[in-house]
Amino acid sequence: MKKRLAVIIATFLVLACLTFIIIFLIGELKKSAGISVKDESLFLSINGVTRTGEKSPLTGIIIVKESTYKGLTALELRNHYERADLLNPLCKGSNVIESGAHYAIGTDGVCIQMIPLEEKAPGEDDRIVVVYSPDENGSLTESEKKTLDELIEELCDEYSIGEENVIRK
């Protein structure tokens, strides 16, 4: 009886470990392929600078703009926004700190949602804002271009936005 119980427990543990490994590998493959991993834990804190928490309906316009932060991965770019008010609290409301954005795309081709779409991005009216970090030469990497195009296509399809309403700054 004890031997049978030990076999059942060992089988359960092996299956649990295999399940964890498979889930982990799928997540890593999505990241390496530049697929957006939407994770609410990555939303910016409401700090009054890069996220105000102000609710607002979307107007059907997408703004795509280059970040002043160069050569950053999506997570590094997101973390710059997260710490913006802490790094320079005297700059609140000035142009020294970038206003927030709904999505950040880094040189690694990963996309992170930073602000829920039902909230207004600071300084951009009622529009969906996508920001990207160019490489050190000021260019988009191939994986960044691919992710940006896929995100714009997904948003246009989901919210019935025409290509004429995608503004690239």
C-alpha atoms as a PDB file:
ATOM      1  CA  MET A   1       0.000   0.000   0.000  1.00  0.00           C
ATOM      2  CA  LYS A   2       2.820   2.408   0.912  1.00  0.00           C
ATOM      3  CA  LYS A   3       4.618   1.580  -2.312  1.00  0.00           C
ATOM      4  CA  ARG A   4       1.503   2.306  -4.384  1.00  0.00           C
ATOM      5  CA  LEU A   5       0.992   5.654  -2.610  1.00  0.00           C
ATOM      6  CA  ALA A   6       4.634   6.585  -3.243  1.00  0.00           C
ATOM      7  CA  VAL A   7       4.221   5.793  -6.966  1.00  0.00           C
ATOM      8  CA  ILE A   8       1.061   7.919  -7.164  1.00  0.00           C
ATOM      9  CA  ILE A   9       2.745  10.862  -5.413  1.00  0.00           C
ATOM     10  CA  ALA A  10       5.855  10.579  -7.612  1.00  0.00           C
ATOM     11  CA  THR A  11       3.703  10.458 -10.760  1.00  0.00           C
ATOM     12  CA  PHE A  12       1.771  13.518  -9.625  1.00  0.00           C
ATOM     13  CA  LEU A  13       4.983  15.459  -8.933  1.00  0.00           C
ATOM     14  CA  VAL A  14       6.452  14.558 -12.334  1.00  0.00           C
ATOM     15  CA  LEU A  15       3.256  15.638 -14.110  1.00  0.00           C
ATOM     16  CA  ALA A  16       3.151  18.905 -12.151  1.00  0.00           C
ATOM     17  CA  CYS A  17       6.789  19.644 -13.054  1.00  0.00           C
ATOM     18  CA  LEU A  18       6.194  18.869 -16.730  1.00  0.00           C
ATOM     19  CA  THR A  19       3.130  21.121 -16.794  1.00  0.00           C
ATOM     20  CA  PHE A  20       5.115  23.971 -15.245  1.00  0.00           C
ATOM     21  CA  ILE A  21       7.951  23.527 -17.751  1.00  0.00           C
ATOM     22  CA  ILE A  22       5.557  23.524 -20.714  1.00  0.00           C
ATOM     23  CA  ILE A  23       3.757  26.666 -19.510  1.00  0.00           C
ATOM     24  CA  PHE A  24       7.111  28.396 -18.901  1.00  0.00           C
ATOM     25  CA  LEU A  25       8.415  27.466 -22.366  1.00  0.00           C
ATOM     26  CA  ILE A  26       5.255  28.709 -24.086  1.00  0.00           C
ATOM     27  CA  GLY A  27       5.632  32.058 -22.296  1.00  0.00           C
ATOM     28  CA  GLU A  28       9.291  32.316 -23.314  1.00  0.00           C
ATOM     29  CA  LEU A  29       8.466  31.457 -26.927  1.00  0.00           C
ATOM     30  CA  LYS A  30       5.810  34.174 -27.015  1.00  0.00           C
ATOM     31  CA  LYS A  31       8.294  36.699 -25.641  1.00  0.00           C
ATOM     32  CA  SER A  32      11.026  35.730 -28.092  1.00  0.00           C
ATOM     33  CA  ALA A  33       8.571  35.933 -30.988  1.00  0.00           C
ATOM     34  CA  GLY A  34       7.641  39.485 -29.986  1.00  0.00           C
ATOM     35  CA  ILE A  35       4.083  38.581 -29.081  1.00  0.00           C
ATOM     36  CA  SER A  36       2.466  40.863 -26.539  1.00  0.00           C
ATOM     37  CA  VAL A  37       2.177  39.320 -23.124  1.00  0.00           C
ATOM     38  CA  LYS A  38      -0.641  41.234 -21.445  1.00  0.00           C
ATOM     39  CA  ASP A  39      -0.050  41.241 -17.732  1.00  0.00           C
ATOM     40  CA  GLU A  40      -1.975  43.644 -15.489  1.00  0.00           C
ATOM     41  CA  SER A  41       0.856  43.514 -12.955  1.00  0.00           C
ATOM     42  CA  LEU A  42       2.899  45.519 -15.491  1.00  0.00           C
ATOM     43  CA  PHE A  43       0.430  48.426 -15.544  1.00  0.00           C
ATOM     44  CA  LEU A  44       2.054  51.651 -14.368  1.00  0.00           C
ATOM     45  CA  SER A  45       1.202  52.908 -10.898  1.00  0.00           C
ATOM     46  CA  ILE A  46      -1.116  55.893 -10.816  1.00  0.00           C
ATOM     47  CA  ASN A  47       1.436  58.628 -10.161  1.00  0.00           C
ATOM     48  CA  GLY A  48      -0.045  61.729 -11.812  1.00  0.00           C
ATOM     49  CA  VAL A  49       2.732  61.894 -14.408  1.00  0.00           C
ATOM     50  CA  THR A  50       2.789  58.806 -16.597  1.00  0.00           C
ATOM     51  CA  ARG A  51      -0.587  57.456 -15.452  1.00  0.00           C
ATOM     52  CA  THR A  52      -3.359  59.567 -13.990  1.00  0.00           C
ATOM     53  CA  GLY A  53      -6.086  56.938 -13.663  1.00  0.00           C
ATOM     54  CA  GLU A  54      -8.459  59.278 -15.503  1.00  0.00           C
ATOM     55  CA  LYS A  55     -11.194  57.253 -17.252  1.00  0.00           C
ATOM     56  CA  SER A  56     -11.946  58.202 -20.832  1.00  0.00           C
ATOM     57  CA  PRO A  57     -13.560  56.679 -23.906  1.00  0.00           C
ATOM     58  CA  LEU A  58     -11.294  56.128 -26.910  1.00  0.00           C
ATOM     59  CA  THR A  59     -11.808  58.272 -30.027  1.00  0.00           C
ATOM     60  CA  GLY A  60     -10.600  55.770 -32.602  1.00  0.00           C
ATOM     61  CA  ILE A  61      -7.181  57.310 -33.147  1.00  0.00           C
ATOM     62  CA  ILE A  62      -3.826  55.631 -32.535  1.00  0.00           C
ATOM     63  CA  ILE A  63      -0.719  57.736 -31.904  1.00  0.00           C
ATOM     64  CA  VAL A  64       2.625  55.987 -32.500  1.00  0.00           C
ATOM     65  CA  LYS A  65       5.613  57.902 -31.183  1.00  0.00           C
ATOM     66  CA  GLU A  66       9.303  57.452 -30.556  1.00  0.00           C
ATOM     67  CA  SER A  67      10.516  57.521 -26.984  1.00  0.00           C
ATOM     68  CA  THR A  68      13.393  59.759 -26.001  1.00  0.00           C
ATOM     69  CA  TYR A  69      14.779  56.705 -24.198  1.00  0.00           C
ATOM     70  CA  LYS A  70      16.968  54.865 -26.717  1.00  0.00           C
ATOM     71  CA  GLY A  71      18.041  51.237 -26.916  1.00  0.00           C
ATOM     72  CA  LEU A  72      15.751  49.886 -24.184  1.00  0.00           C
ATOM     73  CA  THR A  73      13.875  46.614 -23.954  1.00  0.00           C
ATOM     74  CA  ALA A  74      10.129  46.857 -23.359  1.00  0.00           C
ATOM     75  CA  LEU A  75      10.536  46.131 -19.648  1.00  0.00           C
ATOM     76  CA  GLU A  76      13.327  48.712 -19.267  1.00  0.00           C
ATOM     77  CA  LEU A  77      11.181  51.289 -21.080  1.00  0.00           C
ATOM     78  CA  ARG A  78       8.196  50.470 -18.875  1.00  0.00           C
ATOM     79  CA  ASN A  79      10.363  50.803 -15.764  1.00  0.00           C
ATOM     80  CA  HIS A  80      11.556  54.269 -16.870  1.00  0.00           C
ATOM     81  CA  TYR A  81       7.927  55.348 -17.043  1.00  0.00           C
ATOM     82  CA  GLU A  82       7.164  53.725 -13.691  1.00  0.00           C
ATOM     83  CA  ARG A  83       9.932  55.664 -11.960  1.00  0.00           C
ATOM     84  CA  ALA A  84       9.423  58.959 -13.829  1.00  0.00           C
ATOM     85  CA  ASP A  85       7.887  60.882 -10.941  1.00  0.00           C
ATOM     86  CA  LEU A  86      10.338  59.400  -8.444  1.00  0.00           C
ATOM     87  CA  LEU A  87      13.414  60.167 -10.555  1.00  0.00           C
ATOM     88  CA  ASN A  88      12.555  63.823 -11.007  1.00  0.00           C
ATOM     89  CA  PRO A  89       9.561  65.011  -8.960  1.00  0.00           C
ATOM     90  CA  LEU A  90      10.290  68.673  -9.825  1.00  0.00           C
ATOM     91  CA  CYS A  91       9.475  67.970 -13.478  1.00  0.00           C
ATOM     92  CA  LYS A  92       5.816  67.047 -13.023  1.00  0.00           C
ATOM     93  CA  GLY A  93       3.817  68.651 -15.788  1.00  0.00           C
ATOM     94  CA  SER A  94       6.893  69.644 -17.799  1.00  0.00           C
ATOM     95  CA  ASN A  95       8.168  68.176 -21.043  1.00  0.00           C
ATOM     96  CA  VAL A  96      11.287  66.737 -19.403  1.00  0.00           C
ATOM     97  CA  ILE A  97       9.415  63.559 -18.486  1.00  0.00           C
ATOM     98  CA  GLU A  98       7.486  61.855 -21.262  1.00  0.00           C
ATOM     99  CA  SER A  99       3.768  61.503 -20.825  1.00  0.00           C
ATOM    100  CA  GLY A 100       2.536  57.963 -20.436  1.00  0.00           C
ATOM    101  CA  ALA A 101       1.461  55.555 -23.155  1.00  0.00           C
ATOM    102  CA  HIS A 102      -0.854  52.586 -23.322  1.00  0.00           C
ATOM    103  CA  TYR A 103       1.780  50.322 -24.878  1.00  0.00           C
ATOM    104  CA  ALA A 104       5.584  50.179 -24.837  1.00  0.00           C
ATOM    105  CA  ILE A 105       7.585  48.306 -27.468  1.00  0.00           C
ATOM    106  CA  GLY A 106      11.267  47.753 -26.845  1.00  0.00           C
ATOM    107  CA  THR A 107      14.203  46.920 -29.068  1.00  0.00           C
ATOM    108  CA  ASP A 108      13.664  43.283 -28.073  1.00  0.00           C
ATOM    109  CA  GLY A 109      10.364  43.267 -29.974  1.00  0.00           C
ATOM    110  CA  VAL A 110       8.314  42.681 -26.836  1.00  0.00           C
ATOM    111  CA  CYS A 111       5.164  44.738 -26.232  1.00  0.00           C
ATOM    112  CA  ILE A 112       3.953  45.619 -22.740  1.00  0.00           C
ATOM    113  CA  GLN A 113       0.612  47.242 -21.988  1.00  0.00           C
ATOM    114  CA  MET A 114       1.262  49.972 -19.402  1.00  0.00           C
ATOM    115  CA  ILE A 115      -2.141  51.678 -19.094  1.00  0.00           C
ATOM    116  CA  PRO A 116      -5.581  50.054 -19.464  1.00  0.00           C
ATOM    117  CA  LEU A 117      -7.336  51.193 -22.646  1.00  0.00           C
ATOM    118  CA  GLU A 118     -10.292  52.559 -20.685  1.00  0.00           C
ATOM    119  CA  GLU A 119      -7.930  55.158 -19.192  1.00  0.00           C
ATOM    120  CA  LYS A 120      -6.595  58.277 -20.863  1.00  0.00           C
ATOM    121  CA  ALA A 121      -2.865  58.416 -21.558  1.00  0.00           C
ATOM    122  CA  PRO A 122      -1.547  61.674 -20.027  1.00  0.00           C
ATOM    123  CA  GLY A 123      -1.090  64.483 -22.540  1.00  0.00           C
ATOM    124  CA  GLU A 124      -2.743  62.717 -25.490  1.00  0.00           C
ATOM    125  CA  ASP A 125      -6.514  63.367 -25.291  1.00  0.00           C
ATOM    126  CA  ASP A 126      -8.615  60.224 -25.730  1.00  0.00           C
ATOM    127  CA  ARG A 127      -6.349  58.252 -28.047  1.00  0.00           C
ATOM    128  CA  ILE A 128      -4.522  54.932 -27.913  1.00  0.00           C
ATOM    129  CA  VAL A 129      -0.837  55.742 -27.502  1.00  0.00           C
ATOM    130  CA  VAL A 130       1.970  53.376 -28.513  1.00  0.00           C
ATOM    131  CA  VAL A 131       5.574  54.320 -27.732  1.00  0.00           C
ATOM    132  CA  TYR A 132       8.690  52.549 -28.966  1.00  0.00           C
ATOM    133  CA  SER A 133      12.359  52.740 -28.033  1.00  0.00           C
ATOM    134  CA  PRO A 134      14.601  53.115 -31.090  1.00  0.00           C
ATOM    135  CA  ASP A 135      18.034  51.518 -31.027  1.00  0.00           C
ATOM    136  CA  GLU A 136      21.155  53.584 -30.368  1.00  0.00           C
ATOM    137  CA  ASN A 137      21.202  54.672 -34.058  1.00  0.00           C
ATOM    138  CA  GLY A 138      17.613  55.936 -33.840  1.00  0.00           C
ATOM    139  CA  SER A 139      16.183  53.073 -35.906  1.00  0.00           C
ATOM    140  CA  LEU A 140      13.608  50.397 -35.209  1.00  0.00           C
ATOM    141  CA  THR A 141      14.881  46.827 -34.942  1.00  0.00           C
ATOM    142  CA  GLU A 142      13.267  44.227 -37.213  1.00  0.00           C
ATOM    143  CA  SER A 143      11.514  42.545 -34.273  1.00  0.00           C
ATOM    144  CA  GLU A 144      10.303  45.948 -33.063  1.00  0.00           C
ATOM    145  CA  LYS A 145       8.844  46.768 -36.510  1.00  0.00           C
ATOM    146  CA  LYS A 146       7.106  43.383 -36.625  1.00  0.00           C
ATOM    147  CA  THR A 147       5.589  43.785 -33.151  1.00  0.00           C
ATOM    148  CA  LEU A 148       4.514  47.376 -33.866  1.00  0.00           C
ATOM    149  CA  ASP A 149       2.799  46.353 -37.118  1.00  0.00           C
ATOM    150  CA  GLU A 150       1.054  43.407 -35.415  1.00  0.00           C
ATOM    151  CA  LEU A 151      -0.126  45.589 -32.508  1.00  0.00           C
ATOM    152  CA  ILE A 152      -1.446  48.334 -34.826  1.00  0.00           C
ATOM    153  CA  GLU A 153      -3.249  45.730 -36.951  1.00  0.00           C
ATOM    154  CA  GLU A 154      -4.751  44.083 -33.846  1.00  0.00           C
ATOM    155  CA  LEU A 155      -5.930  47.434 -32.404  1.00  0.00           C
ATOM    156  CA  CYS A 156      -7.345  48.596 -35.756  1.00  0.00           C
ATOM    157  CA  ASP A 157      -9.290  45.344 -36.144  1.00  0.00           C
ATOM    158  CA  GLU A 158     -10.531  45.243 -32.557  1.00  0.00           C
ATOM    159  CA  TYR A 159     -11.639  48.895 -32.399  1.00  0.00           C
ATOM    160  CA  SER A 160     -12.585  49.417 -36.087  1.00  0.00           C
ATOM    161  CA  ILE A 161      -9.897  52.055 -36.613  1.00  0.00           C
ATOM    162  CA  GLY A 162      -8.942  52.973 -40.178  1.00  0.00           C
ATOM    163  CA  GLU A 163      -5.284  53.274 -41.244  1.00  0.00           C
ATOM    164  CA  GLU A 164      -5.893  57.011 -41.819  1.00  0.00           C
ATOM    165  CA  ASN A 165      -6.413  57.335 -38.052  1.00  0.00           C
ATOM    166  CA  VAL A 166      -2.984  55.907 -37.212  1.00  0.00           C
ATOM    167  CA  ILE A 167      -0.723  58.913 -36.612  1.00  0.00           C
ATOM    168  CA  ARG A 168       3.011  58.275 -36.549  1.00  0.00           C
ATOM    169  CA  LYS A 169       4.985  61.043 -34.857  1.00  0.00           C
END
